Amino acid sequence: MDLKLTPVAMPTSVRGVSGLQPGASRSASAVGGGFSSELKNALGAVSTAQIESGRLQREVQLENPKVSLEETMVAIQKAQIGFQATLHVRNRMVQAYTDIMNMQV
């Protein structure tokens, strides 16, 4: 799992929007799908890391000489960190939703 920020994941004010006229704006779909697509991509990456760590665990248990224990442990830690990060994001989103719903209008 790669945890690097890509230019698409950064806000347009940080990375700059080239090729736009002053006063023009770009929609979320033109930038790359927006928040929902980035969330789907992140969840997919976490799921892939978990599947890969499970596969490596099975291979180590079957004593496959091509799979090292170190590689397996690193994959397990990456999957665990990704899951924990996903859980924190989910908790923050639920808290933000709760805060918004409790606002007085």
N, C-alpha and C. Protein backbone atom coordinates (compact mmCIF):
# COMPACT_ATOMS: atom_id res chain seq x y z
N MET A 1 0.85 -1.17 0.00
CA MET A 1 0.00 0.00 0.00
C MET A 1 0.89 1.23 0.00
N ASP A 2 0.63 2.13 -0.90
CA ASP A 2 1.42 3.33 -1.04
C ASP A 2 0.68 4.48 -0.37
N LEU A 3 1.32 5.16 0.58
CA LEU A 3 0.67 6.22 1.33
C LEU A 3 1.10 7.61 0.89
N LYS A 4 1.61 7.74 -0.33
CA LYS A 4 2.04 9.04 -0.83
C LYS A 4 0.84 9.83 -1.31
N LEU A 5 0.90 11.14 -1.14
CA LEU A 5 -0.14 12.02 -1.67
C LEU A 5 0.12 12.27 -3.14
N THR A 6 -0.89 12.14 -3.94
CA THR A 6 -0.77 12.44 -5.35
C THR A 6 -1.32 13.83 -5.61
N PRO A 7 -0.94 14.47 -6.70
CA PRO A 7 -1.45 15.81 -6.98
C PRO A 7 -2.97 15.86 -7.06
N VAL A 8 -3.63 14.76 -7.45
CA VAL A 8 -5.08 14.75 -7.55
C VAL A 8 -5.71 14.81 -6.16
N ALA A 9 -5.03 14.24 -5.16
CA ALA A 9 -5.59 14.20 -3.81
C ALA A 9 -5.43 15.52 -3.07
N MET A 10 -4.59 16.42 -3.60
CA MET A 10 -4.35 17.69 -2.93
C MET A 10 -5.36 18.72 -3.40
N PRO A 11 -5.76 19.64 -2.53
CA PRO A 11 -6.70 20.69 -2.94
C PRO A 11 -6.12 21.53 -4.06
N THR A 12 -7.00 22.08 -4.90
CA THR A 12 -6.54 22.86 -6.04
C THR A 12 -5.80 24.11 -5.61
N SER A 13 -6.11 24.64 -4.44
CA SER A 13 -5.41 25.85 -3.99
C SER A 13 -3.96 25.54 -3.64
N VAL A 14 -3.67 24.28 -3.29
CA VAL A 14 -2.30 23.91 -2.94
C VAL A 14 -1.49 23.61 -4.18
N ARG A 15 -2.07 22.85 -5.12
CA ARG A 15 -1.30 22.44 -6.28
C ARG A 15 -1.45 23.37 -7.46
N GLY A 16 -2.38 24.31 -7.39
CA GLY A 16 -2.56 25.26 -8.48
C GLY A 16 -3.35 24.63 -9.62
N VAL A 17 -4.14 25.44 -10.28
CA VAL A 17 -4.92 24.97 -11.40
C VAL A 17 -4.39 25.67 -12.64
N SER A 18 -3.78 24.90 -13.53
CA SER A 18 -3.22 25.51 -14.73
C SER A 18 -4.23 25.43 -15.87
N GLY A 19 -4.13 26.35 -16.76
CA GLY A 19 -4.97 26.34 -17.95
C GLY A 19 -6.35 26.91 -17.74
N LEU A 20 -6.63 27.50 -16.60
CA LEU A 20 -7.94 28.09 -16.37
C LEU A 20 -7.86 29.60 -16.49
N GLN A 21 -8.92 30.17 -17.01
CA GLN A 21 -9.01 31.62 -17.10
C GLN A 21 -9.32 32.17 -15.71
N PRO A 22 -8.95 33.42 -15.42
CA PRO A 22 -9.30 34.00 -14.13
C PRO A 22 -10.81 33.96 -13.91
N GLY A 23 -11.22 33.54 -12.74
CA GLY A 23 -12.63 33.46 -12.41
C GLY A 23 -13.28 32.15 -12.81
N ALA A 24 -12.57 31.32 -13.59
CA ALA A 24 -13.13 30.03 -14.00
C ALA A 24 -12.87 29.01 -12.90
N SER A 25 -13.73 28.02 -12.84
CA SER A 25 -13.54 26.96 -11.84
C SER A 25 -13.66 25.61 -12.52
N ARG A 26 -13.17 24.62 -11.83
CA ARG A 26 -13.18 23.27 -12.36
C ARG A 26 -14.08 22.42 -11.47
N SER A 27 -14.92 21.60 -12.04
CA SER A 27 -15.82 20.76 -11.24
C SER A 27 -15.03 19.61 -10.63
N ALA A 28 -15.63 18.96 -9.63
CA ALA A 28 -14.97 17.83 -8.95
C ALA A 28 -14.73 16.68 -9.91
N SER A 29 -15.62 16.47 -10.86
CA SER A 29 -15.44 15.36 -11.80
C SER A 29 -14.30 15.65 -12.77
N ALA A 30 -14.06 16.92 -13.10
CA ALA A 30 -12.97 17.26 -14.01
C ALA A 30 -11.63 17.12 -13.32
N VAL A 31 -11.58 17.32 -12.01
CA VAL A 31 -10.33 17.21 -11.28
C VAL A 31 -9.94 15.76 -11.08
N GLY A 32 -10.89 14.87 -10.94
CA GLY A 32 -10.56 13.48 -10.75
C GLY A 32 -11.62 12.73 -9.97
N GLY A 33 -12.80 13.26 -9.84
CA GLY A 33 -13.88 12.55 -9.19
C GLY A 33 -14.21 13.05 -7.82
N GLY A 34 -13.32 13.81 -7.20
CA GLY A 34 -13.63 14.39 -5.91
C GLY A 34 -13.42 13.44 -4.75
N PHE A 35 -14.07 13.80 -3.65
CA PHE A 35 -13.88 13.09 -2.40
C PHE A 35 -14.33 11.64 -2.46
N SER A 36 -15.48 11.39 -3.06
CA SER A 36 -16.02 10.03 -3.07
C SER A 36 -15.12 9.06 -3.83
N SER A 37 -14.57 9.49 -4.95
CA SER A 37 -13.69 8.59 -5.70
C SER A 37 -12.37 8.37 -4.96
N GLU A 38 -11.87 9.41 -4.30
CA GLU A 38 -10.65 9.24 -3.52
C GLU A 38 -10.87 8.30 -2.34
N LEU A 39 -12.04 8.40 -1.72
CA LEU A 39 -12.38 7.50 -0.62
C LEU A 39 -12.49 6.06 -1.11
N LYS A 40 -13.13 5.87 -2.25
CA LYS A 40 -13.24 4.52 -2.83
C LYS A 40 -11.86 3.97 -3.15
N ASN A 41 -10.98 4.79 -3.71
CA ASN A 41 -9.63 4.34 -4.04
C ASN A 41 -8.87 3.95 -2.78
N ALA A 42 -9.00 4.75 -1.72
CA ALA A 42 -8.31 4.46 -0.47
C ALA A 42 -8.84 3.17 0.15
N LEU A 43 -10.16 2.99 0.15
CA LEU A 43 -10.74 1.75 0.68
C LEU A 43 -10.31 0.55 -0.14
N GLY A 44 -10.22 0.71 -1.43
CA GLY A 44 -9.74 -0.37 -2.30
C GLY A 44 -8.30 -0.73 -2.01
N ALA A 45 -7.47 0.28 -1.76
CA ALA A 45 -6.06 0.02 -1.45
C ALA A 45 -5.92 -0.70 -0.12
N VAL A 46 -6.72 -0.32 0.87
CA VAL A 46 -6.68 -0.99 2.18
C VAL A 46 -7.14 -2.43 2.03
N SER A 47 -8.21 -2.64 1.27
CA SER A 47 -8.72 -3.99 1.05
C SER A 47 -7.68 -4.86 0.34
N THR A 48 -7.03 -4.30 -0.66
CA THR A 48 -5.99 -5.04 -1.39
C THR A 48 -4.84 -5.40 -0.47
N ALA A 49 -4.43 -4.48 0.39
CA ALA A 49 -3.34 -4.75 1.33
C ALA A 49 -3.72 -5.87 2.30
N GLN A 50 -4.98 -5.87 2.75
CA GLN A 50 -5.43 -6.92 3.67
C GLN A 50 -5.48 -8.27 2.97
N ILE A 51 -5.94 -8.30 1.75
CA ILE A 51 -6.00 -9.55 0.98
C ILE A 51 -4.59 -10.08 0.74
N GLU A 52 -3.68 -9.18 0.38
CA GLU A 52 -2.28 -9.58 0.13
C GLU A 52 -1.63 -10.12 1.40
N SER A 53 -1.87 -9.47 2.54
CA SER A 53 -1.27 -9.96 3.78
C SER A 53 -1.85 -11.32 4.16
N GLY A 54 -3.13 -11.53 3.91
CA GLY A 54 -3.74 -12.84 4.16
C GLY A 54 -3.14 -13.92 3.28
N ARG A 55 -2.91 -13.57 2.00
CA ARG A 55 -2.30 -14.53 1.08
C ARG A 55 -0.89 -14.89 1.52
N LEU A 56 -0.12 -13.88 1.91
CA LEU A 56 1.24 -14.14 2.37
C LEU A 56 1.25 -14.97 3.66
N GLN A 57 0.30 -14.72 4.55
CA GLN A 57 0.21 -15.51 5.78
C GLN A 57 -0.03 -16.98 5.45
N ARG A 58 -0.95 -17.23 4.51
CA ARG A 58 -1.21 -18.63 4.11
C ARG A 58 0.03 -19.27 3.51
N GLU A 59 0.74 -18.52 2.69
CA GLU A 59 1.94 -19.06 2.04
C GLU A 59 3.02 -19.40 3.08
N VAL A 60 3.16 -18.57 4.09
CA VAL A 60 4.14 -18.85 5.15
C VAL A 60 3.72 -20.09 5.94
N GLN A 61 2.42 -20.20 6.22
CA GLN A 61 1.93 -21.36 6.95
C GLN A 61 2.10 -22.65 6.15
N LEU A 62 2.03 -22.55 4.83
CA LEU A 62 2.25 -23.71 3.97
C LEU A 62 3.73 -23.94 3.70
N GLU A 63 4.58 -23.14 4.31
CA GLU A 63 6.04 -23.23 4.20
C GLU A 63 6.54 -23.09 2.77
N ASN A 64 5.99 -22.11 2.06
CA ASN A 64 6.44 -21.79 0.71
C ASN A 64 7.81 -21.13 0.82
N PRO A 65 8.85 -21.71 0.20
CA PRO A 65 10.19 -21.12 0.33
C PRO A 65 10.36 -19.78 -0.39
N LYS A 66 9.43 -19.43 -1.28
CA LYS A 66 9.53 -18.17 -2.03
C LYS A 66 9.01 -16.98 -1.23
N VAL A 67 8.33 -17.22 -0.11
CA VAL A 67 7.75 -16.15 0.70
C VAL A 67 8.49 -16.08 2.03
N SER A 68 9.06 -14.93 2.31
CA SER A 68 9.82 -14.79 3.56
C SER A 68 8.90 -14.31 4.69
N LEU A 69 9.31 -14.64 5.89
CA LEU A 69 8.55 -14.21 7.06
C LEU A 69 8.61 -12.70 7.20
N GLU A 70 9.75 -12.09 6.88
CA GLU A 70 9.90 -10.64 6.98
C GLU A 70 8.94 -9.92 6.04
N GLU A 71 8.86 -10.41 4.81
CA GLU A 71 7.95 -9.82 3.83
C GLU A 71 6.50 -9.92 4.32
N THR A 72 6.17 -11.05 4.91
CA THR A 72 4.82 -11.26 5.44
C THR A 72 4.53 -10.32 6.59
N MET A 73 5.47 -10.16 7.49
CA MET A 73 5.26 -9.28 8.64
C MET A 73 5.09 -7.82 8.20
N VAL A 74 5.87 -7.40 7.21
CA VAL A 74 5.75 -6.03 6.70
C VAL A 74 4.37 -5.83 6.06
N ALA A 75 3.91 -6.84 5.29
CA ALA A 75 2.59 -6.74 4.65
C ALA A 75 1.49 -6.68 5.70
N ILE A 76 1.63 -7.45 6.78
CA ILE A 76 0.63 -7.43 7.85
C ILE A 76 0.60 -6.06 8.52
N GLN A 77 1.77 -5.48 8.79
CA GLN A 77 1.82 -4.16 9.42
C GLN A 77 1.23 -3.09 8.52
N LYS A 78 1.52 -3.16 7.21
CA LYS A 78 0.95 -2.18 6.28
C LYS A 78 -0.57 -2.27 6.26
N ALA A 79 -1.09 -3.50 6.24
CA ALA A 79 -2.54 -3.68 6.24
C ALA A 79 -3.15 -3.17 7.54
N GLN A 80 -2.48 -3.42 8.66
CA GLN A 80 -2.98 -2.98 9.96
C GLN A 80 -2.99 -1.45 10.05
N ILE A 81 -1.92 -0.82 9.61
CA ILE A 81 -1.84 0.65 9.65
C ILE A 81 -2.90 1.26 8.72
N GLY A 82 -3.07 0.68 7.54
CA GLY A 82 -4.09 1.17 6.62
C GLY A 82 -5.49 1.05 7.20
N PHE A 83 -5.75 -0.09 7.86
CA PHE A 83 -7.07 -0.28 8.47
C PHE A 83 -7.30 0.71 9.61
N GLN A 84 -6.28 0.93 10.43
CA GLN A 84 -6.41 1.89 11.53
C GLN A 84 -6.64 3.30 11.01
N ALA A 85 -5.93 3.67 9.95
CA ALA A 85 -6.13 5.00 9.35
C ALA A 85 -7.55 5.13 8.81
N THR A 86 -8.04 4.08 8.16
CA THR A 86 -9.39 4.08 7.63
C THR A 86 -10.41 4.21 8.75
N LEU A 87 -10.17 3.52 9.84
CA LEU A 87 -11.06 3.59 10.99
C LEU A 87 -11.10 5.00 11.58
N HIS A 88 -9.93 5.65 11.67
CA HIS A 88 -9.88 7.02 12.18
C HIS A 88 -10.62 7.99 11.26
N VAL A 89 -10.46 7.81 9.95
CA VAL A 89 -11.18 8.66 8.99
C VAL A 89 -12.68 8.45 9.14
N ARG A 90 -13.10 7.20 9.27
CA ARG A 90 -14.52 6.92 9.44
C ARG A 90 -15.06 7.57 10.71
N ASN A 91 -14.31 7.47 11.80
CA ASN A 91 -14.74 8.07 13.06
C ASN A 91 -14.84 9.59 12.96
N ARG A 92 -13.88 10.20 12.26
CA ARG A 92 -13.92 11.65 12.06
C ARG A 92 -15.12 12.07 11.22
N MET A 93 -15.42 11.28 10.19
CA MET A 93 -16.56 11.60 9.33
C MET A 93 -17.87 11.47 10.09
N VAL A 94 -17.99 10.44 10.92
CA VAL A 94 -19.20 10.27 11.73
C VAL A 94 -19.33 11.42 12.72
N GLN A 95 -18.21 11.82 13.32
CA GLN A 95 -18.25 12.94 14.27
C GLN A 95 -18.63 14.24 13.57
N ALA A 96 -18.09 14.47 12.37
CA ALA A 96 -18.44 15.68 11.62
C ALA A 96 -19.92 15.67 11.24
N TYR A 97 -20.42 14.51 10.83
CA TYR A 97 -21.84 14.40 10.48
C TYR A 97 -22.70 14.68 11.71
N THR A 98 -22.32 14.13 12.85
CA THR A 98 -23.06 14.34 14.08
C THR A 98 -23.05 15.82 14.47
N ASP A 99 -21.89 16.45 14.34
CA ASP A 99 -21.80 17.88 14.65
C ASP A 99 -22.69 18.72 13.75
N ILE A 100 -22.70 18.40 12.47
CA ILE A 100 -23.53 19.15 11.52
C ILE A 100 -25.01 18.93 11.82
N MET A 101 -25.38 17.70 12.13
CA MET A 101 -26.80 17.41 12.41
C MET A 101 -27.27 18.06 13.71
N ASN A 102 -26.34 18.31 14.64
CA ASN A 102 -26.71 18.93 15.91
C ASN A 102 -26.67 20.46 15.88
N MET A 103 -26.27 21.04 14.74
CA MET A 103 -26.23 22.49 14.64
C MET A 103 -27.63 23.07 14.64
N GLN A 104 -27.76 24.22 15.27
CA GLN A 104 -29.05 24.91 15.28
C GLN A 104 -29.14 25.76 14.02
N VAL A 105 -30.27 25.69 13.37
CA VAL A 105 -30.44 26.46 12.13
C VAL A 105 -31.20 27.72 12.38
